[in-house]
Amino acid sequence: MDALLVKDIGVKALLVGGAVLVSFWTFNAVKLVISARGINPLVRKFFDQVAAGRIDAAYGLTTKTYKTHVKRQDFLKFLAGLNLNKYRNLKSGRPRVQEDQIIITLNLKSEDKKDELPLDFTFSKSDKDWKIDRIAKVN
């Protein structure tokens, strides 16, 4: 009887532990989705501005910290080096949370799907709006 009681307690503990783990994961997933609202429109706006040649407007979508570290001329050089005009398709990766920032790898693909350019975008909230805090090529 004692072995059966121990087994029953072990099963209940395992179920409770599993429920806590699922609840924790669900809470964090929902928190991530809610906190990431506004990032997709920002990404779309950024690439629309760049495609339209409105580089100053695209630069305006970055944080003050980004502008401190990346001057306008360096931003222009960086964008020119990416050859963005050869890419037509954009696929977004899974967001990753790091402190108060969200990092998303965006994969740009050429129309023929032969060339791919992965870029890590880091987003930070400025007041209530998301801004781009970092853009880096993924090696």
C-alpha atoms as a PDB file:
ATOM      1  CA  MET A   1       0.000   0.000   0.000  1.00  0.00           C
ATOM      2  CA  ASP A   2       2.788   2.459   0.849  1.00  0.00           C
ATOM      3  CA  ALA A   3       4.394   1.984  -2.571  1.00  0.00           C
ATOM      4  CA  LEU A   4       1.059   2.702  -4.252  1.00  0.00           C
ATOM      5  CA  LEU A   5       0.619   5.852  -2.147  1.00  0.00           C
ATOM      6  CA  VAL A   6       4.123   7.069  -3.040  1.00  0.00           C
ATOM      7  CA  LYS A   7       3.457   6.378  -6.730  1.00  0.00           C
ATOM      8  CA  ASP A   8       0.123   8.262  -6.535  1.00  0.00           C
ATOM      9  CA  ILE A   9       1.813  11.281  -4.888  1.00  0.00           C
ATOM     10  CA  GLY A  10       4.602  11.171  -7.500  1.00  0.00           C
ATOM     11  CA  VAL A  11       2.088  11.185 -10.376  1.00  0.00           C
ATOM     12  CA  LYS A  12       0.164  14.096  -8.818  1.00  0.00           C
ATOM     13  CA  ALA A  13       3.400  16.042  -8.275  1.00  0.00           C
ATOM     14  CA  LEU A  14       4.400  15.406 -11.865  1.00  0.00           C
ATOM     15  CA  LEU A  15       1.009  16.605 -13.133  1.00  0.00           C
ATOM     16  CA  VAL A  16       1.130  19.728 -10.960  1.00  0.00           C
ATOM     17  CA  GLY A  17       4.705  20.461 -12.095  1.00  0.00           C
ATOM     18  CA  GLY A  18       3.694  19.994 -15.733  1.00  0.00           C
ATOM     19  CA  ALA A  19       0.696  22.291 -15.304  1.00  0.00           C
ATOM     20  CA  VAL A  20       2.887  24.967 -13.718  1.00  0.00           C
ATOM     21  CA  LEU A  21       5.404  24.659 -16.558  1.00  0.00           C
ATOM     22  CA  VAL A  22       2.691  24.900 -19.246  1.00  0.00           C
ATOM     23  CA  SER A  23       1.125  27.890 -17.464  1.00  0.00           C
ATOM     24  CA  PHE A  24       4.502  29.629 -17.247  1.00  0.00           C
ATOM     25  CA  TRP A  25       5.226  28.985 -20.943  1.00  0.00           C
ATOM     26  CA  THR A  26       1.737  30.154 -21.972  1.00  0.00           C
ATOM     27  CA  PHE A  27       2.033  33.315 -19.860  1.00  0.00           C
ATOM     28  CA  ASN A  28       5.411  34.184 -21.427  1.00  0.00           C
ATOM     29  CA  ALA A  29       4.176  33.422 -24.958  1.00  0.00           C
ATOM     30  CA  VAL A  30       1.119  35.661 -24.498  1.00  0.00           C
ATOM     31  CA  LYS A  31       3.290  38.385 -22.926  1.00  0.00           C
ATOM     32  CA  LEU A  32       5.643  38.240 -25.933  1.00  0.00           C
ATOM     33  CA  VAL A  33       2.817  38.452 -28.470  1.00  0.00           C
ATOM     34  CA  ILE A  34       1.180  41.374 -26.663  1.00  0.00           C
ATOM     35  CA  SER A  35       4.448  43.239 -26.177  1.00  0.00           C
ATOM     36  CA  ALA A  36       5.479  42.753 -29.827  1.00  0.00           C
ATOM     37  CA  ARG A  37       2.395  44.484 -31.219  1.00  0.00           C
ATOM     38  CA  GLY A  38       3.415  47.292 -33.495  1.00  0.00           C
ATOM     39  CA  ILE A  39       6.679  45.747 -34.644  1.00  0.00           C
ATOM     40  CA  ASN A  40       5.378  44.315 -37.943  1.00  0.00           C
ATOM     41  CA  PRO A  41       3.948  47.668 -39.091  1.00  0.00           C
ATOM     42  CA  LEU A  42       7.258  49.302 -38.114  1.00  0.00           C
ATOM     43  CA  VAL A  43       9.233  46.796 -40.204  1.00  0.00           C
ATOM     44  CA  ARG A  44       6.898  47.314 -43.158  1.00  0.00           C
ATOM     45  CA  LYS A  45       7.166  51.102 -42.810  1.00  0.00           C
ATOM     46  CA  PHE A  46      10.968  50.931 -42.590  1.00  0.00           C
ATOM     47  CA  PHE A  47      11.321  48.917 -45.798  1.00  0.00           C
ATOM     48  CA  ASP A  48       8.655  51.020 -47.576  1.00  0.00           C
ATOM     49  CA  GLN A  49      10.603  54.186 -46.703  1.00  0.00           C
ATOM     50  CA  VAL A  50      13.876  52.687 -47.914  1.00  0.00           C
ATOM     51  CA  ALA A  51      12.284  51.416 -51.146  1.00  0.00           C
ATOM     52  CA  ALA A  52      10.789  54.857 -51.800  1.00  0.00           C
ATOM     53  CA  GLY A  53      14.183  56.507 -51.281  1.00  0.00           C
ATOM     54  CA  ARG A  54      13.040  58.286 -48.108  1.00  0.00           C
ATOM     55  CA  ILE A  55      16.168  57.390 -46.180  1.00  0.00           C
ATOM     56  CA  ASP A  56      15.738  60.194 -43.630  1.00  0.00           C
ATOM     57  CA  ALA A  57      12.253  58.879 -42.824  1.00  0.00           C
ATOM     58  CA  ALA A  58      13.670  55.348 -42.384  1.00  0.00           C
ATOM     59  CA  TYR A  59      16.471  56.746 -40.195  1.00  0.00           C
ATOM     60  CA  GLY A  60      13.776  58.528 -38.176  1.00  0.00           C
ATOM     61  CA  LEU A  61      12.338  55.134 -37.194  1.00  0.00           C
ATOM     62  CA  THR A  62      15.462  54.377 -35.135  1.00  0.00           C
ATOM     63  CA  THR A  63      16.100  55.130 -31.466  1.00  0.00           C
ATOM     64  CA  LYS A  64      18.153  58.020 -30.128  1.00  0.00           C
ATOM     65  CA  THR A  65      20.727  55.461 -28.989  1.00  0.00           C
ATOM     66  CA  TYR A  66      21.013  54.086 -32.530  1.00  0.00           C
ATOM     67  CA  LYS A  67      21.477  57.597 -33.934  1.00  0.00           C
ATOM     68  CA  THR A  68      24.188  58.250 -31.349  1.00  0.00           C
ATOM     69  CA  HIS A  69      26.154  55.199 -32.504  1.00  0.00           C
ATOM     70  CA  VAL A  70      25.254  55.209 -36.206  1.00  0.00           C
ATOM     71  CA  LYS A  71      25.441  58.593 -37.868  1.00  0.00           C
ATOM     72  CA  ARG A  72      23.300  59.309 -40.924  1.00  0.00           C
ATOM     73  CA  GLN A  73      26.235  58.879 -43.340  1.00  0.00           C
ATOM     74  CA  ASP A  74      27.082  55.487 -41.822  1.00  0.00           C
ATOM     75  CA  PHE A  75      23.412  54.500 -42.074  1.00  0.00           C
ATOM     76  CA  LEU A  76      23.433  55.405 -45.777  1.00  0.00           C
ATOM     77  CA  LYS A  77      26.623  53.379 -46.360  1.00  0.00           C
ATOM     78  CA  PHE A  78      25.211  50.415 -44.459  1.00  0.00           C
ATOM     79  CA  LEU A  79      21.994  50.417 -46.506  1.00  0.00           C
ATOM     80  CA  ALA A  80      23.910  50.829 -49.768  1.00  0.00           C
ATOM     81  CA  GLY A  81      26.087  47.842 -48.862  1.00  0.00           C
ATOM     82  CA  LEU A  82      23.035  45.640 -48.348  1.00  0.00           C
ATOM     83  CA  ASN A  83      21.846  45.987 -51.972  1.00  0.00           C
ATOM     84  CA  LEU A  84      18.249  45.854 -50.766  1.00  0.00           C
ATOM     85  CA  ASN A  85      16.846  46.506 -54.251  1.00  0.00           C
ATOM     86  CA  LYS A  86      17.572  42.905 -55.279  1.00  0.00           C
ATOM     87  CA  TYR A  87      15.341  41.451 -52.536  1.00  0.00           C
ATOM     88  CA  ARG A  88      11.573  41.151 -52.886  1.00  0.00           C
ATOM     89  CA  ASN A  89      10.420  38.731 -50.196  1.00  0.00           C
ATOM     90  CA  LEU A  90      10.629  39.119 -46.440  1.00  0.00           C
ATOM     91  CA  LYS A  91      10.216  36.342 -43.911  1.00  0.00           C
ATOM     92  CA  SER A  92      10.192  37.094 -40.216  1.00  0.00           C
ATOM     93  CA  GLY A  93      11.712  34.733 -37.675  1.00  0.00           C
ATOM     94  CA  ARG A  94      10.548  34.035 -34.151  1.00  0.00           C
ATOM     95  CA  PRO A  95      10.928  37.021 -31.797  1.00  0.00           C
ATOM     96  CA  ARG A  96      13.407  36.717 -28.955  1.00  0.00           C
ATOM     97  CA  VAL A  97      13.077  38.821 -25.812  1.00  0.00           C
ATOM     98  CA  GLN A  98      16.216  40.208 -24.223  1.00  0.00           C
ATOM     99  CA  GLU A  99      15.550  42.427 -21.224  1.00  0.00           C
ATOM    100  CA  ASP A 100      13.313  45.215 -22.573  1.00  0.00           C
ATOM    101  CA  GLN A 101      14.140  44.588 -26.237  1.00  0.00           C
ATOM    102  CA  ILE A 102      12.810  42.258 -28.885  1.00  0.00           C
ATOM    103  CA  ILE A 103      15.135  40.784 -31.510  1.00  0.00           C
ATOM    104  CA  ILE A 104      13.805  39.364 -34.753  1.00  0.00           C
ATOM    105  CA  THR A 105      15.794  37.857 -37.597  1.00  0.00           C
ATOM    106  CA  LEU A 106      14.348  39.009 -40.900  1.00  0.00           C
ATOM    107  CA  ASN A 107      15.257  36.963 -43.954  1.00  0.00           C
ATOM    108  CA  LEU A 108      15.177  38.899 -47.198  1.00  0.00           C
ATOM    109  CA  LYS A 109      15.014  36.724 -50.299  1.00  0.00           C
ATOM    110  CA  SER A 110      15.589  37.584 -53.929  1.00  0.00           C
ATOM    111  CA  GLU A 111      12.724  37.095 -56.354  1.00  0.00           C
ATOM    112  CA  ASP A 112      14.337  33.944 -57.755  1.00  0.00           C
ATOM    113  CA  LYS A 113      14.929  32.783 -54.142  1.00  0.00           C
ATOM    114  CA  LYS A 114      18.612  32.117 -54.875  1.00  0.00           C
ATOM    115  CA  ASP A 115      19.974  34.925 -52.691  1.00  0.00           C
ATOM    116  CA  GLU A 116      19.150  35.418 -49.054  1.00  0.00           C
ATOM    117  CA  LEU A 117      20.064  38.200 -46.621  1.00  0.00           C
ATOM    118  CA  PRO A 118      19.380  37.544 -42.929  1.00  0.00           C
ATOM    119  CA  LEU A 119      19.295  40.667 -40.772  1.00  0.00           C
ATOM    120  CA  ASP A 120      18.846  40.893 -37.008  1.00  0.00           C
ATOM    121  CA  PHE A 121      16.628  43.801 -36.022  1.00  0.00           C
ATOM    122  CA  THR A 122      16.548  44.825 -32.378  1.00  0.00           C
ATOM    123  CA  PHE A 123      13.524  46.835 -31.267  1.00  0.00           C
ATOM    124  CA  SER A 124      13.080  48.998 -28.168  1.00  0.00           C
ATOM    125  CA  LYS A 125      10.056  50.877 -26.950  1.00  0.00           C
ATOM    126  CA  SER A 126      10.341  54.641 -26.996  1.00  0.00           C
ATOM    127  CA  ASP A 127       7.395  56.048 -25.060  1.00  0.00           C
ATOM    128  CA  LYS A 128       4.592  53.812 -26.355  1.00  0.00           C
ATOM    129  CA  ASP A 129       6.014  53.177 -29.815  1.00  0.00           C
ATOM    130  CA  TRP A 130       8.547  50.647 -31.020  1.00  0.00           C
ATOM    131  CA  LYS A 131      11.741  51.937 -32.625  1.00  0.00           C
ATOM    132  CA  ILE A 132      14.649  50.180 -34.309  1.00  0.00           C
ATOM    133  CA  ASP A 133      17.610  50.043 -31.932  1.00  0.00           C
ATOM    134  CA  ARG A 134      19.996  47.915 -33.996  1.00  0.00           C
ATOM    135  CA  ILE A 135      20.303  46.392 -37.455  1.00  0.00           C
ATOM    136  CA  ALA A 136      23.010  43.838 -38.119  1.00  0.00           C
ATOM    137  CA  LYS A 137      23.824  41.271 -40.766  1.00  0.00           C
ATOM    138  CA  VAL A 138      23.642  37.714 -39.512  1.00  0.00           C
ATOM    139  CA  ASN A 139      26.757  35.767 -40.456  1.00  0.00           C
END
